[in-house]
Amino acid sequence: MNVGGKGRERLWMLGLLAALALVVGGPASSAYAQQGIMQNLEDSFELHGYVENQEIIRSENYVTDYNVASIRNRIDLQPSGQIIKDASMPNLGGISLGSALSVNYFADIRPGYEGVYDLVTDRFGNHTTGFSGIGVSEL
């Protein structure tokens, strides 16, 4: 089946909704409720990350007449943990659906800010003057 564009997005959304329906209202929902999902989230939550700043300066000799090309600031946050730990699945028609089911999560969030557009308005942005050099233009 070759599905592209919006059809692929709809297929993913349908799959996600079906999985969510099974977890929330399926035959194993009572097993999940016994595990204490909120307590497990609190016990296993971890947050890692870093802060990054980068400034790019251009010049022919770095003695005079340099230009700020970029001022980037970024924070990288990585929350992770376990939603469900060792849940026992019920039998359905005499067939075991499994045991020791665990569900983990991980996300990588990277908001950033490019400060050169606010700090060096003579060279970057919507109203540039074309000024090249140290300081601020008189225009």
C-alpha atoms as a PDB file:
ATOM      1  CA  MET A   1       0.000   0.000   0.000  1.00  0.00           C
ATOM      2  CA  ASN A   2       1.595   3.251  -1.131  1.00  0.00           C
ATOM      3  CA  VAL A   3       0.143   6.085   0.943  1.00  0.00           C
ATOM      4  CA  GLY A   4       1.677   9.539   0.816  1.00  0.00           C
ATOM      5  CA  GLY A   5       1.032  13.054   2.080  1.00  0.00           C
ATOM      6  CA  LYS A   6      -2.131  13.567   4.088  1.00  0.00           C
ATOM      7  CA  GLY A   7      -3.107   9.908   3.674  1.00  0.00           C
ATOM      8  CA  ARG A   8       0.000   8.848   5.584  1.00  0.00           C
ATOM      9  CA  GLU A   9      -0.719  11.382   8.339  1.00  0.00           C
ATOM     10  CA  ARG A  10      -4.277  10.091   8.646  1.00  0.00           C
ATOM     11  CA  LEU A  11      -3.035   6.491   8.816  1.00  0.00           C
ATOM     12  CA  TRP A  12      -0.606   7.353  11.622  1.00  0.00           C
ATOM     13  CA  MET A  13      -3.323   9.245  13.495  1.00  0.00           C
ATOM     14  CA  LEU A  14      -5.735   6.318  13.144  1.00  0.00           C
ATOM     15  CA  GLY A  15      -3.073   3.932  14.471  1.00  0.00           C
ATOM     16  CA  LEU A  16      -2.311   6.239  17.393  1.00  0.00           C
ATOM     17  CA  LEU A  17      -5.996   6.550  18.279  1.00  0.00           C
ATOM     18  CA  ALA A  18      -6.463   2.764  18.080  1.00  0.00           C
ATOM     19  CA  ALA A  19      -3.490   2.185  20.390  1.00  0.00           C
ATOM     20  CA  LEU A  20      -4.781   4.796  22.826  1.00  0.00           C
ATOM     21  CA  ALA A  21      -8.238   3.186  22.811  1.00  0.00           C
ATOM     22  CA  LEU A  22      -6.707  -0.204  23.640  1.00  0.00           C
ATOM     23  CA  VAL A  23      -4.679   1.204  26.510  1.00  0.00           C
ATOM     24  CA  VAL A  24      -7.508   3.267  28.019  1.00  0.00           C
ATOM     25  CA  GLY A  25     -10.531   1.064  27.405  1.00  0.00           C
ATOM     26  CA  GLY A  26      -9.212  -2.291  26.289  1.00  0.00           C
ATOM     27  CA  PRO A  27      -9.276  -5.552  28.209  1.00  0.00           C
ATOM     28  CA  ALA A  28      -5.939  -4.788  29.844  1.00  0.00           C
ATOM     29  CA  SER A  29      -6.954  -1.410  31.267  1.00  0.00           C
ATOM     30  CA  SER A  30      -7.567  -2.901  34.710  1.00  0.00           C
ATOM     31  CA  ALA A  31      -4.008  -4.259  34.716  1.00  0.00           C
ATOM     32  CA  TYR A  32      -2.658  -0.786  33.983  1.00  0.00           C
ATOM     33  CA  ALA A  33      -4.769   0.773  36.716  1.00  0.00           C
ATOM     34  CA  GLN A  34      -3.327  -1.612  39.307  1.00  0.00           C
ATOM     35  CA  GLN A  35       0.221  -0.474  38.551  1.00  0.00           C
ATOM     36  CA  GLY A  36      -0.244   3.136  39.750  1.00  0.00           C
ATOM     37  CA  ILE A  37       0.699   5.038  36.568  1.00  0.00           C
ATOM     38  CA  MET A  38       0.967   8.447  38.247  1.00  0.00           C
ATOM     39  CA  GLN A  39       3.191   7.125  41.026  1.00  0.00           C
ATOM     40  CA  ASN A  40       5.384   5.359  38.465  1.00  0.00           C
ATOM     41  CA  LEU A  41       5.704   8.615  36.462  1.00  0.00           C
ATOM     42  CA  GLU A  42       6.763  10.482  39.610  1.00  0.00           C
ATOM     43  CA  ASP A  43       9.289   7.814  40.634  1.00  0.00           C
ATOM     44  CA  SER A  44      10.969   7.417  37.237  1.00  0.00           C
ATOM     45  CA  PHE A  45      10.929  10.975  35.820  1.00  0.00           C
ATOM     46  CA  GLU A  46      14.366  12.272  34.767  1.00  0.00           C
ATOM     47  CA  LEU A  47      15.318  15.545  33.102  1.00  0.00           C
ATOM     48  CA  HIS A  48      18.637  15.967  31.303  1.00  0.00           C
ATOM     49  CA  GLY A  49      19.884  18.663  28.992  1.00  0.00           C
ATOM     50  CA  TYR A  50      22.262  21.523  28.373  1.00  0.00           C
ATOM     51  CA  VAL A  51      22.423  25.210  27.483  1.00  0.00           C
ATOM     52  CA  GLU A  52      24.419  26.334  24.463  1.00  0.00           C
ATOM     53  CA  ASN A  53      25.588  29.749  23.257  1.00  0.00           C
ATOM     54  CA  GLN A  54      27.458  30.318  20.006  1.00  0.00           C
ATOM     55  CA  GLU A  55      28.660  33.598  18.535  1.00  0.00           C
ATOM     56  CA  ILE A  56      30.101  33.764  15.034  1.00  0.00           C
ATOM     57  CA  ILE A  57      32.268  36.760  14.155  1.00  0.00           C
ATOM     58  CA  ARG A  58      33.710  37.358  10.680  1.00  0.00           C
ATOM     59  CA  SER A  59      36.767  39.449   9.865  1.00  0.00           C
ATOM     60  CA  GLU A  60      39.704  39.446   7.500  1.00  0.00           C
ATOM     61  CA  ASN A  61      42.316  39.765  10.252  1.00  0.00           C
ATOM     62  CA  TYR A  62      40.351  39.945  13.559  1.00  0.00           C
ATOM     63  CA  VAL A  63      42.131  43.205  14.465  1.00  0.00           C
ATOM     64  CA  THR A  64      39.697  45.758  13.037  1.00  0.00           C
ATOM     65  CA  ASP A  65      36.450  45.824  11.140  1.00  0.00           C
ATOM     66  CA  TYR A  66      34.795  42.609  12.318  1.00  0.00           C
ATOM     67  CA  ASN A  67      31.151  41.679  11.721  1.00  0.00           C
ATOM     68  CA  VAL A  68      28.845  39.709  13.967  1.00  0.00           C
ATOM     69  CA  ALA A  69      27.353  36.997  11.788  1.00  0.00           C
ATOM     70  CA  SER A  70      25.353  35.010  14.343  1.00  0.00           C
ATOM     71  CA  ILE A  71      24.455  34.918  18.033  1.00  0.00           C
ATOM     72  CA  ARG A  72      22.703  31.640  18.806  1.00  0.00           C
ATOM     73  CA  ASN A  73      21.266  30.556  22.132  1.00  0.00           C
ATOM     74  CA  ARG A  74      19.677  27.157  22.620  1.00  0.00           C
ATOM     75  CA  ILE A  75      18.486  24.978  25.465  1.00  0.00           C
ATOM     76  CA  ASP A  76      18.174  21.233  24.993  1.00  0.00           C
ATOM     77  CA  LEU A  77      15.796  19.454  27.401  1.00  0.00           C
ATOM     78  CA  GLN A  78      15.435  15.676  27.480  1.00  0.00           C
ATOM     79  CA  PRO A  79      12.647  14.386  29.745  1.00  0.00           C
ATOM     80  CA  SER A  80      12.426  10.611  30.114  1.00  0.00           C
ATOM     81  CA  GLY A  81      10.905   7.992  32.340  1.00  0.00           C
ATOM     82  CA  GLN A  82       8.617   5.015  32.580  1.00  0.00           C
ATOM     83  CA  ILE A  83       4.842   5.189  32.260  1.00  0.00           C
ATOM     84  CA  ILE A  84       3.973   1.540  32.924  1.00  0.00           C
ATOM     85  CA  LYS A  85       6.221  -0.915  34.751  1.00  0.00           C
ATOM     86  CA  ASP A  86       5.828  -4.695  34.611  1.00  0.00           C
ATOM     87  CA  ALA A  87       2.080  -4.754  33.971  1.00  0.00           C
ATOM     88  CA  SER A  88       0.562  -8.206  33.758  1.00  0.00           C
ATOM     89  CA  MET A  89      -1.773  -8.624  30.823  1.00  0.00           C
ATOM     90  CA  PRO A  90      -4.967 -10.700  31.222  1.00  0.00           C
ATOM     91  CA  ASN A  91      -5.814 -13.860  29.340  1.00  0.00           C
ATOM     92  CA  LEU A  92      -8.171 -13.446  26.416  1.00  0.00           C
ATOM     93  CA  GLY A  93      -9.999 -16.618  25.449  1.00  0.00           C
ATOM     94  CA  GLY A  94      -7.388 -18.743  27.197  1.00  0.00           C
ATOM     95  CA  ILE A  95      -4.527 -17.044  25.350  1.00  0.00           C
ATOM     96  CA  SER A  96      -2.023 -15.072  27.401  1.00  0.00           C
ATOM     97  CA  LEU A  97      -1.529 -11.530  26.084  1.00  0.00           C
ATOM     98  CA  GLY A  98       1.850 -11.292  27.771  1.00  0.00           C
ATOM     99  CA  SER A  99       3.461 -10.349  31.040  1.00  0.00           C
ATOM    100  CA  ALA A 100       5.906  -7.757  32.334  1.00  0.00           C
ATOM    101  CA  LEU A 101       4.723  -5.064  29.906  1.00  0.00           C
ATOM    102  CA  SER A 102       6.645  -1.798  30.322  1.00  0.00           C
ATOM    103  CA  VAL A 103       6.182   1.493  28.465  1.00  0.00           C
ATOM    104  CA  ASN A 104       8.938   4.127  28.513  1.00  0.00           C
ATOM    105  CA  TYR A 105       9.067   7.625  27.048  1.00  0.00           C
ATOM    106  CA  PHE A 106      11.807   9.991  25.869  1.00  0.00           C
ATOM    107  CA  ALA A 107      11.540  13.441  24.298  1.00  0.00           C
ATOM    108  CA  ASP A 108      14.094  15.929  22.991  1.00  0.00           C
ATOM    109  CA  ILE A 109      12.951  19.558  23.144  1.00  0.00           C
ATOM    110  CA  ARG A 110      15.217  22.214  21.590  1.00  0.00           C
ATOM    111  CA  PRO A 111      13.933  25.799  21.709  1.00  0.00           C
ATOM    112  CA  GLY A 112      16.375  28.359  20.339  1.00  0.00           C
ATOM    113  CA  TYR A 113      16.859  32.073  19.838  1.00  0.00           C
ATOM    114  CA  GLU A 114      18.907  33.809  17.128  1.00  0.00           C
ATOM    115  CA  GLY A 115      19.804  37.138  18.745  1.00  0.00           C
ATOM    116  CA  VAL A 116      21.606  38.729  15.821  1.00  0.00           C
ATOM    117  CA  TYR A 117      18.313  39.923  14.299  1.00  0.00           C
ATOM    118  CA  ASP A 118      17.544  41.976  17.424  1.00  0.00           C
ATOM    119  CA  LEU A 119      21.081  43.060  18.322  1.00  0.00           C
ATOM    120  CA  VAL A 120      22.640  43.823  14.907  1.00  0.00           C
ATOM    121  CA  THR A 121      19.723  45.451  13.091  1.00  0.00           C
ATOM    122  CA  ASP A 122      21.978  47.280  10.609  1.00  0.00           C
ATOM    123  CA  ARG A 123      22.961  44.005   8.949  1.00  0.00           C
ATOM    124  CA  PHE A 124      20.086  41.608   9.738  1.00  0.00           C
ATOM    125  CA  GLY A 125      16.315  41.871   9.797  1.00  0.00           C
ATOM    126  CA  ASN A 126      13.661  43.724   7.815  1.00  0.00           C
ATOM    127  CA  HIS A 127      15.174  47.230   7.898  1.00  0.00           C
ATOM    128  CA  THR A 128      18.888  46.844   7.219  1.00  0.00           C
ATOM    129  CA  THR A 129      21.130  49.821   6.394  1.00  0.00           C
ATOM    130  CA  GLY A 130      23.933  47.880   4.728  1.00  0.00           C
ATOM    131  CA  PHE A 131      26.388  49.167   7.353  1.00  0.00           C
ATOM    132  CA  SER A 132      29.371  46.854   7.773  1.00  0.00           C
ATOM    133  CA  GLY A 133      31.755  47.343  10.668  1.00  0.00           C
ATOM    134  CA  ILE A 134      32.076  47.904  14.372  1.00  0.00           C
ATOM    135  CA  GLY A 135      29.411  49.931  16.131  1.00  0.00           C
ATOM    136  CA  VAL A 136      26.119  51.253  14.821  1.00  0.00           C
ATOM    137  CA  SER A 137      25.439  53.150  11.632  1.00  0.00           C
ATOM    138  CA  GLU A 138      24.288  56.748  11.719  1.00  0.00           C
ATOM    139  CA  LEU A 139      21.381  55.952   9.373  1.00  0.00           C
END
